[in-house]
N, C-alpha and C. Protein backbone atom coordinates (compact mmCIF):
# COMPACT_ATOMS: atom_id res chain seq x y z
N UNK A 1 -30.86 107.64 -22.09
CA UNK A 1 -31.48 108.53 -21.13
C UNK A 1 -30.52 109.64 -20.69
N UNK A 2 -29.24 109.33 -20.61
CA UNK A 2 -28.29 110.36 -20.17
C UNK A 2 -28.14 111.49 -21.20
N UNK A 3 -28.38 111.18 -22.48
CA UNK A 3 -28.29 112.21 -23.50
C UNK A 3 -29.49 113.15 -23.43
N UNK A 4 -30.64 112.59 -23.12
CA UNK A 4 -31.82 113.43 -22.92
C UNK A 4 -31.65 114.30 -21.67
N UNK A 5 -31.09 113.73 -20.62
CA UNK A 5 -30.82 114.50 -19.40
C UNK A 5 -29.84 115.63 -19.70
N UNK A 6 -28.83 115.37 -20.53
CA UNK A 6 -27.87 116.41 -20.91
C UNK A 6 -28.57 117.52 -21.70
N UNK A 7 -29.50 117.14 -22.57
CA UNK A 7 -30.25 118.14 -23.34
C UNK A 7 -31.10 119.01 -22.43
N UNK A 8 -31.78 118.39 -21.49
CA UNK A 8 -32.61 119.16 -20.55
C UNK A 8 -31.74 120.09 -19.72
N UNK A 9 -30.60 119.60 -19.25
CA UNK A 9 -29.70 120.45 -18.47
C UNK A 9 -29.17 121.61 -19.32
N UNK A 10 -28.82 121.32 -20.57
CA UNK A 10 -28.37 122.38 -21.47
C UNK A 10 -29.46 123.43 -21.67
N UNK A 11 -30.69 122.96 -21.83
CA UNK A 11 -31.84 123.86 -22.00
C UNK A 11 -31.99 124.77 -20.78
N UNK A 12 -31.94 124.19 -19.60
CA UNK A 12 -32.10 124.98 -18.38
C UNK A 12 -30.94 125.96 -18.18
N UNK A 13 -29.73 125.53 -18.50
CA UNK A 13 -28.57 126.42 -18.40
C UNK A 13 -28.68 127.58 -19.40
N UNK A 14 -29.14 127.28 -20.61
CA UNK A 14 -29.28 128.31 -21.63
C UNK A 14 -30.33 129.34 -21.23
N UNK A 15 -31.48 128.85 -20.77
CA UNK A 15 -32.54 129.78 -20.34
C UNK A 15 -32.06 130.61 -19.15
N UNK A 16 -31.40 129.97 -18.20
CA UNK A 16 -30.88 130.69 -17.03
C UNK A 16 -29.87 131.74 -17.45
N UNK A 17 -29.00 131.38 -18.38
CA UNK A 17 -27.98 132.33 -18.86
C UNK A 17 -28.63 133.56 -19.47
N UNK A 18 -29.63 133.36 -20.31
CA UNK A 18 -30.32 134.49 -20.93
C UNK A 18 -30.98 135.38 -19.89
N UNK A 19 -31.62 134.78 -18.92
CA UNK A 19 -32.28 135.56 -17.87
C UNK A 19 -31.25 136.31 -17.02
N UNK A 20 -30.11 135.68 -16.73
CA UNK A 20 -29.06 136.35 -15.96
C UNK A 20 -28.46 137.51 -16.75
N UNK A 21 -28.34 137.33 -18.07
CA UNK A 21 -27.82 138.42 -18.89
C UNK A 21 -28.78 139.62 -18.84
N UNK A 22 -30.07 139.34 -18.84
CA UNK A 22 -31.07 140.42 -18.75
C UNK A 22 -30.94 141.15 -17.41
N UNK A 23 -30.89 140.39 -16.34
CA UNK A 23 -30.76 140.99 -15.00
C UNK A 23 -29.42 141.71 -14.88
N UNK A 24 -28.35 141.07 -15.35
CA UNK A 24 -27.03 141.68 -15.29
C UNK A 24 -26.94 142.97 -16.09
N UNK A 25 -27.61 143.01 -17.24
CA UNK A 25 -27.59 144.21 -18.08
C UNK A 25 -28.24 145.39 -17.36
N UNK A 26 -29.24 145.10 -16.52
CA UNK A 26 -29.89 146.18 -15.77
C UNK A 26 -28.94 146.81 -14.76
N UNK A 27 -27.94 146.06 -14.33
CA UNK A 27 -27.02 146.55 -13.31
C UNK A 27 -25.74 147.16 -13.87
N UNK A 28 -25.63 147.25 -15.18
CA UNK A 28 -24.47 147.90 -15.77
C UNK A 28 -24.56 149.39 -15.50
N UNK A 29 -23.42 150.01 -15.27
CA UNK A 29 -23.40 151.46 -15.05
C UNK A 29 -23.94 152.17 -16.27
N UNK A 30 -24.66 153.22 -16.05
CA UNK A 30 -25.17 154.02 -17.17
C UNK A 30 -24.03 154.79 -17.77
N UNK A 31 -23.87 154.86 -19.01
CA UNK A 31 -24.62 154.19 -20.07
C UNK A 31 -24.11 152.79 -20.36
N UNK A 32 -23.33 152.20 -19.46
CA UNK A 32 -22.81 150.85 -19.68
C UNK A 32 -21.45 150.90 -20.33
N UNK A 33 -20.92 149.73 -20.64
CA UNK A 33 -19.61 149.70 -21.28
C UNK A 33 -19.68 150.36 -22.66
N UNK A 34 -18.64 151.08 -22.99
CA UNK A 34 -18.65 151.79 -24.27
C UNK A 34 -17.50 151.28 -25.13
N UNK A 35 -17.86 150.84 -26.31
CA UNK A 35 -16.88 150.26 -27.23
C UNK A 35 -15.77 151.25 -27.57
N UNK A 36 -16.11 152.52 -27.67
CA UNK A 36 -15.09 153.49 -28.05
C UNK A 36 -14.03 153.67 -26.97
N UNK A 37 -14.33 153.22 -25.74
CA UNK A 37 -13.33 153.29 -24.66
C UNK A 37 -12.44 152.05 -24.64
N UNK A 38 -12.73 151.10 -25.50
CA UNK A 38 -11.89 149.91 -25.60
C UNK A 38 -12.44 148.73 -24.82
N UNK A 39 -11.75 147.61 -24.98
CA UNK A 39 -12.18 146.37 -24.33
C UNK A 39 -12.09 146.44 -22.81
N UNK A 40 -11.19 147.26 -22.29
CA UNK A 40 -11.05 147.34 -20.84
C UNK A 40 -12.33 147.86 -20.19
N UNK A 41 -13.05 148.75 -20.88
CA UNK A 41 -14.33 149.25 -20.37
C UNK A 41 -15.33 148.12 -20.26
N UNK A 42 -15.40 147.29 -21.29
CA UNK A 42 -16.33 146.16 -21.30
C UNK A 42 -15.92 145.13 -20.25
N UNK A 43 -14.64 144.80 -20.24
CA UNK A 43 -14.12 143.81 -19.29
C UNK A 43 -14.38 144.24 -17.85
N UNK A 44 -14.17 145.50 -17.56
CA UNK A 44 -14.39 146.00 -16.20
C UNK A 44 -15.85 145.96 -15.81
N UNK A 45 -16.72 146.31 -16.73
CA UNK A 45 -18.16 146.29 -16.45
C UNK A 45 -18.64 144.88 -16.18
N UNK A 46 -18.12 143.92 -16.93
CA UNK A 46 -18.53 142.52 -16.75
C UNK A 46 -17.95 141.96 -15.47
N UNK A 47 -16.68 142.25 -15.20
CA UNK A 47 -16.00 141.67 -14.04
C UNK A 47 -16.65 142.06 -12.72
N UNK A 48 -17.28 143.21 -12.67
CA UNK A 48 -17.89 143.69 -11.43
C UNK A 48 -19.39 143.40 -11.37
N UNK A 49 -19.85 142.51 -12.21
CA UNK A 49 -21.27 142.19 -12.27
C UNK A 49 -21.41 140.67 -12.17
N UNK A 50 -21.53 140.14 -10.96
CA UNK A 50 -21.51 138.69 -10.75
C UNK A 50 -22.65 137.97 -11.47
N UNK A 51 -23.80 138.62 -11.63
CA UNK A 51 -24.91 137.97 -12.33
C UNK A 51 -24.55 137.78 -13.80
N UNK A 52 -23.94 138.78 -14.39
CA UNK A 52 -23.50 138.69 -15.78
C UNK A 52 -22.43 137.61 -15.94
N UNK A 53 -21.48 137.57 -15.03
CA UNK A 53 -20.43 136.55 -15.07
C UNK A 53 -21.02 135.16 -14.94
N UNK A 54 -21.96 134.99 -14.01
CA UNK A 54 -22.61 133.69 -13.84
C UNK A 54 -23.41 133.32 -15.09
N UNK A 55 -24.04 134.28 -15.73
CA UNK A 55 -24.75 134.03 -16.98
C UNK A 55 -23.80 133.55 -18.07
N UNK A 56 -22.65 134.17 -18.18
CA UNK A 56 -21.66 133.74 -19.17
C UNK A 56 -21.16 132.33 -18.87
N UNK A 57 -20.97 132.03 -17.60
CA UNK A 57 -20.57 130.67 -17.20
C UNK A 57 -21.65 129.66 -17.58
N UNK A 58 -22.91 130.02 -17.37
CA UNK A 58 -24.01 129.13 -17.75
C UNK A 58 -24.05 128.90 -19.26
N UNK A 59 -23.78 129.94 -20.04
CA UNK A 59 -23.71 129.77 -21.50
C UNK A 59 -22.62 128.77 -21.87
N UNK A 60 -21.45 128.93 -21.28
CA UNK A 60 -20.33 128.04 -21.60
C UNK A 60 -20.64 126.60 -21.20
N UNK A 61 -21.22 126.42 -20.03
CA UNK A 61 -21.55 125.09 -19.56
C UNK A 61 -22.66 124.47 -20.42
N UNK A 62 -23.60 125.29 -20.84
CA UNK A 62 -24.66 124.84 -21.73
C UNK A 62 -24.08 124.21 -22.99
N UNK A 63 -23.07 124.84 -23.56
CA UNK A 63 -22.45 124.34 -24.79
C UNK A 63 -21.90 122.93 -24.57
N UNK A 64 -21.29 122.69 -23.43
CA UNK A 64 -20.74 121.36 -23.14
C UNK A 64 -21.84 120.30 -23.10
N UNK A 65 -22.90 120.57 -22.37
CA UNK A 65 -23.99 119.60 -22.25
C UNK A 65 -24.73 119.42 -23.57
N UNK A 66 -24.93 120.50 -24.30
CA UNK A 66 -25.63 120.42 -25.58
C UNK A 66 -24.82 119.60 -26.58
N UNK A 67 -23.53 119.85 -26.62
CA UNK A 67 -22.66 119.09 -27.52
C UNK A 67 -22.69 117.60 -27.17
N UNK A 68 -22.66 117.29 -25.89
CA UNK A 68 -22.76 115.89 -25.46
C UNK A 68 -24.09 115.28 -25.90
N UNK A 69 -25.18 116.00 -25.74
CA UNK A 69 -26.50 115.49 -26.12
C UNK A 69 -26.56 115.22 -27.62
N UNK A 70 -25.89 116.05 -28.40
CA UNK A 70 -25.92 115.88 -29.86
C UNK A 70 -25.19 114.63 -30.34
N UNK A 71 -24.43 114.00 -29.46
CA UNK A 71 -23.77 112.74 -29.84
C UNK A 71 -24.80 111.68 -30.20
N UNK A 72 -25.97 111.70 -29.55
CA UNK A 72 -26.97 110.66 -29.77
C UNK A 72 -28.35 111.18 -30.16
N UNK A 73 -28.61 112.45 -29.94
CA UNK A 73 -29.92 113.00 -30.28
C UNK A 73 -29.78 113.78 -31.58
N UNK A 74 -30.60 113.46 -32.59
CA UNK A 74 -30.50 114.21 -33.85
C UNK A 74 -30.75 115.70 -33.62
N UNK A 75 -29.99 116.51 -34.33
CA UNK A 75 -30.12 117.96 -34.16
C UNK A 75 -31.51 118.43 -34.60
N UNK A 76 -32.15 117.69 -35.49
CA UNK A 76 -33.50 118.06 -35.93
C UNK A 76 -34.52 117.91 -34.81
N UNK A 77 -34.16 117.22 -33.75
CA UNK A 77 -35.01 117.12 -32.56
C UNK A 77 -34.47 117.99 -31.43
N UNK A 78 -33.14 117.98 -31.25
CA UNK A 78 -32.53 118.70 -30.13
C UNK A 78 -32.72 120.21 -30.26
N UNK A 79 -32.52 120.74 -31.46
CA UNK A 79 -32.57 122.19 -31.63
C UNK A 79 -33.97 122.76 -31.38
N UNK A 80 -35.03 122.15 -31.93
CA UNK A 80 -36.36 122.68 -31.62
C UNK A 80 -36.68 122.64 -30.13
N UNK A 81 -36.22 121.61 -29.45
CA UNK A 81 -36.45 121.52 -28.01
C UNK A 81 -35.69 122.64 -27.31
N UNK A 82 -34.41 122.83 -27.67
CA UNK A 82 -33.59 123.87 -27.03
C UNK A 82 -34.19 125.26 -27.25
N UNK A 83 -34.49 125.56 -28.49
CA UNK A 83 -34.94 126.92 -28.83
C UNK A 83 -36.38 127.17 -28.38
N UNK A 84 -37.27 126.25 -28.71
CA UNK A 84 -38.68 126.45 -28.39
C UNK A 84 -38.97 126.43 -26.90
N UNK A 85 -38.49 125.40 -26.22
CA UNK A 85 -38.72 125.31 -24.78
C UNK A 85 -37.97 126.43 -24.05
N UNK A 86 -36.78 126.76 -24.55
CA UNK A 86 -36.02 127.87 -23.95
C UNK A 86 -36.79 129.18 -24.06
N UNK A 87 -37.37 129.42 -25.22
CA UNK A 87 -38.18 130.63 -25.41
C UNK A 87 -39.34 130.65 -24.42
N UNK A 88 -40.03 129.53 -24.29
CA UNK A 88 -41.19 129.48 -23.39
C UNK A 88 -40.77 129.73 -21.94
N UNK A 89 -39.69 129.09 -21.51
CA UNK A 89 -39.20 129.28 -20.13
C UNK A 89 -38.84 130.74 -19.90
N UNK A 90 -38.09 131.31 -20.82
CA UNK A 90 -37.64 132.69 -20.66
C UNK A 90 -38.83 133.65 -20.64
N UNK A 91 -39.79 133.46 -21.53
CA UNK A 91 -40.95 134.35 -21.59
C UNK A 91 -41.76 134.28 -20.30
N UNK A 92 -42.00 133.08 -19.80
CA UNK A 92 -42.81 132.93 -18.58
C UNK A 92 -42.07 133.48 -17.36
N UNK A 93 -40.78 133.19 -17.24
CA UNK A 93 -40.01 133.70 -16.09
C UNK A 93 -39.91 135.22 -16.16
N UNK A 94 -39.67 135.77 -17.35
CA UNK A 94 -39.59 137.22 -17.49
C UNK A 94 -40.92 137.87 -17.14
N UNK A 95 -42.02 137.23 -17.52
CA UNK A 95 -43.35 137.75 -17.18
C UNK A 95 -43.57 137.70 -15.67
N UNK A 96 -43.23 136.56 -15.07
CA UNK A 96 -43.53 136.35 -13.64
C UNK A 96 -42.60 137.14 -12.72
N UNK A 97 -41.31 137.19 -13.05
CA UNK A 97 -40.34 137.75 -12.11
C UNK A 97 -39.67 139.06 -12.55
N UNK A 98 -39.71 139.35 -13.83
CA UNK A 98 -39.03 140.57 -14.31
C UNK A 98 -40.00 141.66 -14.73
N UNK A 99 -41.28 141.41 -14.56
CA UNK A 99 -42.27 142.43 -14.85
C UNK A 99 -42.56 142.66 -16.32
N UNK A 100 -42.15 141.74 -17.19
CA UNK A 100 -42.46 141.89 -18.60
C UNK A 100 -43.91 141.46 -18.84
N UNK A 101 -44.52 142.02 -19.85
CA UNK A 101 -45.92 141.70 -20.12
C UNK A 101 -46.04 140.75 -21.31
N UNK A 102 -47.08 139.93 -21.27
CA UNK A 102 -47.40 139.03 -22.37
C UNK A 102 -48.87 139.19 -22.69
N UNK A 103 -49.16 139.44 -23.94
CA UNK A 103 -50.56 139.58 -24.36
C UNK A 103 -51.19 138.20 -24.53
N UNK A 104 -52.48 138.18 -24.73
CA UNK A 104 -53.19 136.93 -24.97
C UNK A 104 -52.64 136.24 -26.22
N UNK A 105 -52.35 137.02 -27.23
CA UNK A 105 -51.80 136.47 -28.47
C UNK A 105 -50.42 135.85 -28.21
N UNK A 106 -49.61 136.51 -27.40
CA UNK A 106 -48.30 135.95 -27.06
C UNK A 106 -48.43 134.65 -26.27
N UNK A 107 -49.36 134.61 -25.32
CA UNK A 107 -49.60 133.36 -24.58
C UNK A 107 -50.03 132.25 -25.53
N UNK A 108 -50.88 132.59 -26.50
CA UNK A 108 -51.30 131.59 -27.50
C UNK A 108 -50.10 131.12 -28.31
N UNK A 109 -49.21 132.03 -28.66
CA UNK A 109 -48.01 131.67 -29.41
C UNK A 109 -47.11 130.74 -28.62
N UNK A 110 -46.93 131.02 -27.34
CA UNK A 110 -46.13 130.14 -26.48
C UNK A 110 -46.74 128.75 -26.43
N UNK A 111 -48.06 128.71 -26.29
CA UNK A 111 -48.76 127.42 -26.26
C UNK A 111 -48.54 126.66 -27.57
N UNK A 112 -48.64 127.34 -28.70
CA UNK A 112 -48.43 126.69 -29.99
C UNK A 112 -46.99 126.21 -30.15
N UNK A 113 -46.04 126.98 -29.67
CA UNK A 113 -44.64 126.57 -29.72
C UNK A 113 -44.44 125.29 -28.91
N UNK A 114 -45.01 125.26 -27.71
CA UNK A 114 -44.88 124.06 -26.87
C UNK A 114 -45.56 122.85 -27.52
N UNK A 115 -46.70 123.08 -28.15
CA UNK A 115 -47.37 122.00 -28.87
C UNK A 115 -46.49 121.50 -30.02
N UNK A 116 -45.85 122.42 -30.71
CA UNK A 116 -44.93 122.05 -31.79
C UNK A 116 -43.77 121.21 -31.29
N UNK A 117 -43.24 121.56 -30.13
CA UNK A 117 -42.15 120.77 -29.54
C UNK A 117 -42.62 119.36 -29.24
N UNK A 118 -43.82 119.24 -28.67
CA UNK A 118 -44.37 117.92 -28.37
C UNK A 118 -44.50 117.10 -29.65
N UNK A 119 -45.00 117.72 -30.72
CA UNK A 119 -45.17 117.00 -31.98
C UNK A 119 -43.84 116.57 -32.58
N UNK A 120 -42.83 117.42 -32.48
CA UNK A 120 -41.51 117.06 -32.99
C UNK A 120 -40.86 115.99 -32.11
N UNK A 121 -40.93 116.18 -30.80
CA UNK A 121 -40.25 115.28 -29.87
C UNK A 121 -40.90 113.91 -29.79
N UNK A 122 -42.17 113.79 -30.10
CA UNK A 122 -42.83 112.48 -29.99
C UNK A 122 -42.27 111.48 -30.98
N UNK A 123 -41.57 111.96 -32.01
CA UNK A 123 -40.94 111.06 -32.97
C UNK A 123 -39.56 110.61 -32.51
N UNK A 124 -39.12 111.09 -31.36
CA UNK A 124 -37.80 110.72 -30.86
C UNK A 124 -37.81 109.27 -30.42
N UNK A 125 -36.87 108.51 -30.92
CA UNK A 125 -36.76 107.10 -30.61
C UNK A 125 -35.62 106.88 -29.63
N UNK A 126 -35.75 105.87 -28.76
CA UNK A 126 -34.61 105.54 -27.88
C UNK A 126 -33.39 105.20 -28.72
N UNK A 127 -32.24 105.64 -28.26
CA UNK A 127 -30.99 105.40 -28.98
C UNK A 127 -30.28 104.24 -28.32
N UNK A 128 -29.78 103.33 -29.13
CA UNK A 128 -29.02 102.18 -28.60
C UNK A 128 -27.83 102.68 -27.81
N UNK A 129 -27.56 102.05 -26.70
CA UNK A 129 -26.42 102.42 -25.88
C UNK A 129 -26.77 103.35 -24.74
N UNK A 130 -28.02 103.76 -24.64
CA UNK A 130 -28.43 104.64 -23.53
C UNK A 130 -28.65 103.84 -22.28
């Protein structure tokens, strides 16, 4: 059970990180960090954007929990859950809170993705030692 909890936490951290990166990107100075000005331009833009920094922290923490979950959950189950459910969470939150639009076809696609996750995850068996 703790490995499944780690997977769910990794999923939520990953989705949160992506959403924070989107919000943080909106707050970058126009035109944003410029590669031709060197890494200091990028570093400075990130350092003064707490949402972006928190998003990066969530990405790093996600990796720790996901790696732990992979100790007992097959990647053929963990990855579809991470990617598919993460996509659904991000799409719905972006629609609800960030003003992004979703067409009827996109809503149908999200529904099909979630159904696919259910079909893949239903074959997940309890792992000895949980």
